C-alpha atoms as a PDB file:
ATOM      1  CA  UNK A   1      30.090  48.390  -4.083  1.00  0.00           C
ATOM      2  CA  UNK A   2      32.057  46.151  -2.810  1.00  0.00           C
ATOM      3  CA  UNK A   3      33.872  43.382  -5.084  1.00  0.00           C
ATOM      4  CA  UNK A   4      33.789  40.384  -2.982  1.00  0.00           C
ATOM      5  CA  UNK A   5      35.887  38.057  -5.329  1.00  0.00           C
ATOM      6  CA  UNK A   6      38.924  40.960  -5.535  1.00  0.00           C
ATOM      7  CA  UNK A   7      41.374  40.310  -2.957  1.00  0.00           C
ATOM      8  CA  UNK A   8      42.230  43.769  -2.856  1.00  0.00           C
ATOM      9  CA  UNK A   9      41.545  44.603   0.289  1.00  0.00           C
ATOM     10  CA  UNK A  10      41.586  48.520   0.415  1.00  0.00           C
ATOM     11  CA  UNK A  11      41.496  50.433  -2.567  1.00  0.00           C
ATOM     12  CA  UNK A  12      41.297  53.619  -1.138  1.00  0.00           C
ATOM     13  CA  UNK A  13      41.732  56.026   2.065  1.00  0.00           C
ATOM     14  CA  UNK A  14      40.278  59.175   2.823  1.00  0.00           C
ATOM     15  CA  UNK A  15      39.805  61.442   5.664  1.00  0.00           C
ATOM     16  CA  UNK A  16      36.308  63.056   6.400  1.00  0.00           C
ATOM     17  CA  UNK A  17      36.093  67.157   6.982  1.00  0.00           C
ATOM     18  CA  UNK A  18      35.249  65.946  10.351  1.00  0.00           C
ATOM     19  CA  UNK A  19      38.595  63.707  10.940  1.00  0.00           C
ATOM     20  CA  UNK A  20      37.146  60.561  10.500  1.00  0.00           C
ATOM     21  CA  UNK A  21      38.933  58.067   8.226  1.00  0.00           C
ATOM     22  CA  UNK A  22      36.853  56.904   5.233  1.00  0.00           C
ATOM     23  CA  UNK A  23      37.762  53.276   3.848  1.00  0.00           C
ATOM     24  CA  UNK A  24      36.312  52.717   0.505  1.00  0.00           C
ATOM     25  CA  UNK A  25      36.368  49.731  -1.526  1.00  0.00           C
ATOM     26  CA  UNK A  26      36.428  47.776   1.140  1.00  0.00           C
ATOM     27  CA  UNK A  27      35.621  43.664   0.822  1.00  0.00           C
ATOM     28  CA  UNK A  28      32.336  42.947   2.247  1.00  0.00           C
ATOM     29  CA  UNK A  29      33.396  40.906   4.629  1.00  0.00           C
ATOM     30  CA  UNK A  30      35.575  43.417   6.207  1.00  0.00           C
ATOM     31  CA  UNK A  31      32.403  45.732   6.719  1.00  0.00           C
ATOM     32  CA  UNK A  32      33.135  46.935  10.523  1.00  0.00           C
ATOM     33  CA  UNK A  33      30.520  48.819  12.271  1.00  0.00           C
ATOM     34  CA  UNK A  34      32.833  51.989  12.374  1.00  0.00           C
ATOM     35  CA  UNK A  35      32.778  51.512   8.169  1.00  0.00           C
ATOM     36  CA  UNK A  36      29.330  51.053   8.274  1.00  0.00           C
ATOM     37  CA  UNK A  37      28.774  54.464  10.286  1.00  0.00           C
ATOM     38  CA  UNK A  38      31.287  56.023   8.245  1.00  0.00           C
ATOM     39  CA  UNK A  39      28.886  55.117   4.977  1.00  0.00           C
ATOM     40  CA  UNK A  40      25.905  55.981   6.893  1.00  0.00           C
ATOM     41  CA  UNK A  41      27.063  59.328   7.783  1.00  0.00           C
ATOM     42  CA  UNK A  42      28.090  60.468   4.092  1.00  0.00           C
ATOM     43  CA  UNK A  43      24.858  61.942   1.802  1.00  0.00           C
ATOM     44  CA  UNK A  44      24.161  60.176  -1.368  1.00  0.00           C
ATOM     45  CA  UNK A  45      25.816  63.281  -3.462  1.00  0.00           C
ATOM     46  CA  UNK A  46      28.910  62.197  -1.129  1.00  0.00           C
ATOM     47  CA  UNK A  47      28.553  58.097  -2.438  1.00  0.00           C
ATOM     48  CA  UNK A  48      27.865  58.665  -5.679  1.00  0.00           C
ATOM     49  CA  UNK A  49      31.001  61.000  -6.219  1.00  0.00           C
ATOM     50  CA  UNK A  50      32.855  58.084  -4.654  1.00  0.00           C
ATOM     51  CA  UNK A  51      31.458  55.254  -6.280  1.00  0.00           C
ATOM     52  CA  UNK A  52      32.375  57.466  -9.842  1.00  0.00           C
ATOM     53  CA  UNK A  53      35.661  58.022  -8.283  1.00  0.00           C
ATOM     54  CA  UNK A  54      36.831  54.819  -7.675  1.00  0.00           C
ATOM     55  CA  UNK A  55      35.165  53.654 -11.150  1.00  0.00           C
ATOM     56  CA  UNK A  56      36.818  56.537 -13.019  1.00  0.00           C
ATOM     57  CA  UNK A  57      40.441  55.502 -11.056  1.00  0.00           C
ATOM     58  CA  UNK A  58      39.773  52.138 -12.145  1.00  0.00           C
ATOM     59  CA  UNK A  59      39.844  52.599 -15.710  1.00  0.00           C
ATOM     60  CA  UNK A  60      43.049  55.423 -15.094  1.00  0.00           C
ATOM     61  CA  UNK A  61      44.622  51.871 -13.475  1.00  0.00           C
ATOM     62  CA  UNK A  62      43.467  49.767 -16.715  1.00  0.00           C
ATOM     63  CA  UNK A  63      44.473  51.946 -18.834  1.00  0.00           C
ATOM     64  CA  UNK A  64      48.184  52.788 -17.457  1.00  0.00           C
ATOM     65  CA  UNK A  65      48.717  48.707 -17.415  1.00  0.00           C
ATOM     66  CA  UNK A  66      47.496  48.517 -21.306  1.00  0.00           C
ATOM     67  CA  UNK A  67      50.266  51.553 -22.151  1.00  0.00           C
ATOM     68  CA  UNK A  68      52.985  48.821 -20.197  1.00  0.00           C
ATOM     69  CA  UNK A  69      51.557  46.041 -21.505  1.00  0.00           C
ATOM     70  CA  UNK A  70      51.476  47.319 -25.049  1.00  0.00           C
ATOM     71  CA  UNK A  71      54.041  50.721 -26.107  1.00  0.00           C
ATOM     72  CA  UNK A  72      53.037  50.179 -29.722  1.00  0.00           C
ATOM     73  CA  UNK A  73      49.121  50.850 -29.239  1.00  0.00           C
ATOM     74  CA  UNK A  74      48.420  54.449 -29.571  1.00  0.00           C
ATOM     75  CA  UNK A  75      46.214  56.783 -26.339  1.00  0.00           C
ATOM     76  CA  UNK A  76      43.193  56.207 -29.082  1.00  0.00           C
ATOM     77  CA  UNK A  77      43.780  52.032 -29.016  1.00  0.00           C
ATOM     78  CA  UNK A  78      44.192  51.854 -25.659  1.00  0.00           C
ATOM     79  CA  UNK A  79      41.112  54.336 -24.702  1.00  0.00           C
ATOM     80  CA  UNK A  80      38.933  52.257 -27.215  1.00  0.00           C
ATOM     81  CA  UNK A  81      40.179  48.741 -25.395  1.00  0.00           C
ATOM     82  CA  UNK A  82      39.416  50.236 -21.737  1.00  0.00           C
ATOM     83  CA  UNK A  83      35.712  50.827 -22.727  1.00  0.00           C
ATOM     84  CA  UNK A  84      36.019  47.501 -24.478  1.00  0.00           C
ATOM     85  CA  UNK A  85      37.216  46.070 -21.000  1.00  0.00           C
ATOM     86  CA  UNK A  86      34.706  47.769 -18.777  1.00  0.00           C
ATOM     87  CA  UNK A  87      31.754  47.199 -21.089  1.00  0.00           C
ATOM     88  CA  UNK A  88      31.503  43.685 -20.375  1.00  0.00           C
ATOM     89  CA  UNK A  89      33.291  44.114 -16.846  1.00  0.00           C
ATOM     90  CA  UNK A  90      31.036  41.618 -14.465  1.00  0.00           C
ATOM     91  CA  UNK A  91      31.366  41.882 -10.789  1.00  0.00           C
END
């Protein structure tokens, strides 16, 4: 779930239905008791939705960066490169 080697701290903050803050994408070294408790309150489906949301969000960010770096590329080329990058991604 967390990418320890990344310097990014909290990628996303969501507020749960009960008003509790859920910090997603937190580095493993910052897993506070509150964060762990929030994860434990989440159902498996919620955790899966969160993981998919983070994954597709990362793909959108990568695509935006590639468009910025390569304005001459077509959308098809951008999406193909994103697929390649994520296909070979490692943690």
